[in-house]
Amino acid sequence: MTSLAQTSDELQDLYRELIIDHARSPRHFGKLPDATHTAEGINPLCGDKLKMYFRIDGDDRISDARFEGSGCAISVASASLLTDMVIGLHTDEALKYFSALVTRLAGVQSADNDNAGDGINLGKLRALEGVREFPSRVKCATLAWHALNSAIQRKSQPATTE
């Protein structure tokens, strides 16, 4: 019989593997020539720099997403997971994921451990929750998400985690 602690450890190992996979082989990496929305993200403390590209159609649906840049494994994995997640979403829904993820990683959990904010199920994004144990790494994990928010809001200044 499998104990709850063993199941939890196995889940953490699976999440670690997911982060490593996305860091080593990021999805949707590269420039998006026909992007309608872009934003830069800078984490001045550790040097992470990302440029996020989004193609948003007339119905405010994200039809494509890509990113470029350099950074630690966590920031690259988070940007990769972000692009996987938001393609096909309405911008309002993407912003709900932004809010839920940033809230969750900051250590504020909703009453339901599987969901965070507005009934959003984070799914694979929960792999990023391990950074809560390392507060300085939360900024790495949320950088791409702050850039998503800036791009959708059409903010001209680079997104920062400060």
Protein backbone atom coordinates (compact mmCIF):
# COMPACT_ATOMS: atom_id res chain seq x y z
CA MET A 1 0.00 0.00 0.00
CA THR A 2 1.34 3.46 -0.94
CA SER A 3 1.55 6.03 1.81
CA LEU A 4 0.40 9.62 1.34
CA ALA A 5 3.97 10.85 1.90
CA GLN A 6 5.30 8.51 -0.79
CA THR A 7 2.60 9.68 -3.23
CA SER A 8 3.46 13.31 -2.44
CA ASP A 9 7.18 12.63 -3.02
CA GLU A 10 6.42 10.93 -6.33
CA LEU A 11 4.30 13.90 -7.40
CA GLN A 12 7.11 16.31 -6.49
CA ASP A 13 9.56 14.20 -8.52
CA LEU A 14 7.18 14.28 -11.48
CA TYR A 15 6.86 18.05 -11.22
CA ARG A 16 10.66 18.42 -11.00
CA GLU A 17 11.03 16.34 -14.14
CA LEU A 18 8.45 18.52 -15.92
CA ILE A 19 10.39 21.69 -15.00
CA ILE A 20 13.67 20.17 -16.18
CA ASP A 21 12.07 19.01 -19.44
CA HIS A 22 10.65 22.47 -20.21
CA ALA A 23 13.95 24.14 -19.26
CA ARG A 24 16.03 21.87 -21.49
CA SER A 25 13.56 21.77 -24.38
CA PRO A 26 11.43 24.89 -24.15
CA ARG A 27 8.23 24.88 -26.16
CA HIS A 28 7.39 27.79 -28.46
CA PHE A 29 10.89 29.27 -28.22
CA GLY A 30 11.71 31.91 -30.81
CA LYS A 31 10.44 35.14 -32.26
CA LEU A 32 6.86 35.45 -33.48
CA PRO A 33 7.14 37.74 -36.53
CA ASP A 34 3.44 38.64 -36.72
CA ALA A 35 2.92 39.19 -32.99
CA THR A 36 0.25 41.72 -32.12
CA HIS A 37 1.31 42.05 -28.47
CA THR A 38 4.81 41.89 -26.98
CA ALA A 39 6.43 42.57 -23.65
CA GLU A 40 9.84 42.29 -22.13
CA GLY A 41 10.38 40.82 -18.70
CA ILE A 42 13.45 41.59 -16.63
CA ASN A 43 14.48 40.21 -13.27
CA PRO A 44 17.31 42.56 -12.27
CA LEU A 45 18.40 40.48 -9.27
CA CYS A 46 19.32 37.34 -11.17
CA GLY A 47 19.60 38.60 -14.74
CA ASP A 48 16.65 36.76 -16.31
CA LYS A 49 15.53 38.51 -19.50
CA LEU A 50 12.58 37.35 -21.57
CA LYS A 51 10.69 38.76 -24.50
CA MET A 52 7.17 37.40 -24.83
CA TYR A 53 5.27 37.45 -28.12
CA PHE A 54 1.54 36.92 -28.55
CA ARG A 55 -0.79 36.93 -31.52
CA ILE A 56 -4.20 38.00 -30.29
CA ASP A 57 -7.08 37.92 -32.76
CA GLY A 58 -10.04 40.28 -33.06
CA ASP A 59 -12.01 38.22 -30.54
CA ASP A 60 -9.25 38.68 -27.93
CA ARG A 61 -8.19 35.05 -28.22
CA ILE A 62 -4.49 34.17 -28.07
CA SER A 63 -3.83 32.26 -31.28
CA ASP A 64 -0.07 31.92 -30.82
CA ALA A 65 2.56 32.60 -28.18
CA ARG A 66 6.34 32.43 -28.18
CA PHE A 67 9.28 33.72 -26.22
CA GLU A 68 12.96 34.51 -26.51
CA GLY A 69 15.59 35.30 -23.97
CA SER A 70 17.80 33.82 -21.36
CA GLY A 71 17.51 33.01 -17.74
CA CYS A 72 17.62 30.31 -15.14
CA ALA A 73 15.93 26.97 -15.65
CA ILE A 74 12.87 28.06 -13.67
CA SER A 75 12.23 31.22 -15.70
CA VAL A 76 12.67 29.38 -19.01
CA ALA A 77 10.46 26.48 -17.88
CA SER A 78 7.79 28.90 -16.67
CA ALA A 79 7.78 30.78 -20.00
CA SER A 80 7.54 27.46 -21.84
CA LEU A 81 4.65 26.28 -19.66
CA LEU A 82 2.97 29.68 -20.09
CA THR A 83 3.05 29.50 -23.88
CA ASP A 84 1.67 25.96 -23.80
CA MET A 85 -1.14 27.05 -21.49
CA VAL A 86 -2.33 30.30 -23.05
CA ILE A 87 -2.58 29.37 -26.73
CA GLY A 88 -6.28 29.24 -27.49
CA LEU A 89 -7.36 31.13 -24.37
CA HIS A 90 -9.32 34.38 -24.33
CA THR A 91 -7.19 37.17 -22.85
CA ASP A 92 -9.54 37.46 -19.85
CA GLU A 93 -8.97 33.78 -19.08
CA ALA A 94 -5.20 34.14 -19.54
CA LEU A 95 -5.23 37.01 -17.03
CA LYS A 96 -7.08 34.77 -14.56
CA TYR A 97 -4.26 32.23 -14.90
CA PHE A 98 -1.75 35.05 -14.31
CA SER A 99 -3.55 36.13 -11.15
CA ALA A 100 -4.04 32.60 -9.87
CA LEU A 101 -0.45 31.56 -10.46
CA VAL A 102 1.13 34.67 -8.98
CA THR A 103 -1.17 34.45 -5.94
CA ARG A 104 -0.44 30.76 -5.47
CA LEU A 105 3.33 31.13 -5.79
CA ALA A 106 3.32 34.02 -3.35
CA GLY A 107 2.05 31.49 -0.82
CA VAL A 108 -1.61 32.49 -0.72
CA GLN A 109 -3.70 29.41 -1.32
CA SER A 110 -7.40 29.19 -1.92
CA ALA A 111 -9.61 26.96 0.22
CA ASP A 112 -9.40 24.26 -2.45
CA ASN A 113 -5.78 23.08 -2.76
CA ASP A 114 -6.26 22.00 -6.37
CA ASN A 115 -7.51 25.37 -7.57
CA ALA A 116 -6.42 28.93 -7.12
CA GLY A 117 -8.51 31.99 -7.83
CA ASP A 118 -11.69 32.10 -9.89
CA GLY A 119 -11.91 28.32 -10.13
CA ILE A 120 -8.79 28.13 -12.29
CA ASN A 121 -7.25 24.67 -12.26
CA LEU A 122 -3.52 25.19 -12.70
CA GLY A 123 -2.87 21.66 -13.95
CA LYS A 124 0.77 21.34 -15.09
CA LEU A 125 1.48 24.85 -13.83
CA ARG A 126 1.41 23.41 -10.30
CA ALA A 127 4.89 22.11 -11.11
CA LEU A 128 6.08 25.64 -10.39
CA GLU A 129 4.79 25.53 -6.80
CA GLY A 130 8.06 24.03 -5.58
CA VAL A 131 9.62 27.49 -5.81
CA ARG A 132 7.57 28.62 -2.80
CA GLU A 133 10.22 26.95 -0.66
CA PHE A 134 12.75 29.39 -2.15
CA PRO A 135 11.22 32.89 -2.03
CA SER A 136 13.90 34.43 -4.27
CA ARG A 137 12.98 31.92 -7.02
CA VAL A 138 9.31 32.96 -7.04
CA LYS A 139 10.37 35.99 -9.09
CA CYS A 140 11.99 33.68 -11.65
CA ALA A 141 8.82 31.62 -11.95
CA THR A 142 6.51 34.62 -12.29
CA LEU A 143 8.57 36.78 -14.68
CA ALA A 144 6.99 35.45 -17.88
CA TRP A 145 3.53 35.78 -16.32
CA HIS A 146 4.13 39.44 -15.47
CA ALA A 147 5.23 39.93 -19.09
CA LEU A 148 2.01 38.26 -20.28
CA ASN A 149 0.02 40.68 -18.16
CA SER A 150 2.01 43.64 -19.53
CA ALA A 151 1.55 42.49 -23.12
CA ILE A 152 -2.21 42.07 -22.79
CA GLN A 153 -2.51 45.42 -21.00
CA ARG A 154 -0.19 46.97 -23.65
CA LYS A 155 2.11 48.46 -21.04
CA SER A 156 5.17 50.07 -22.60
CA GLN A 157 7.62 49.54 -19.72
CA PRO A 158 9.34 46.17 -19.31
CA ALA A 159 7.68 43.89 -16.79
CA THR A 160 9.72 43.39 -13.69
CA THR A 161 9.44 41.23 -10.63
CA GLU A 162 10.56 44.06 -8.33
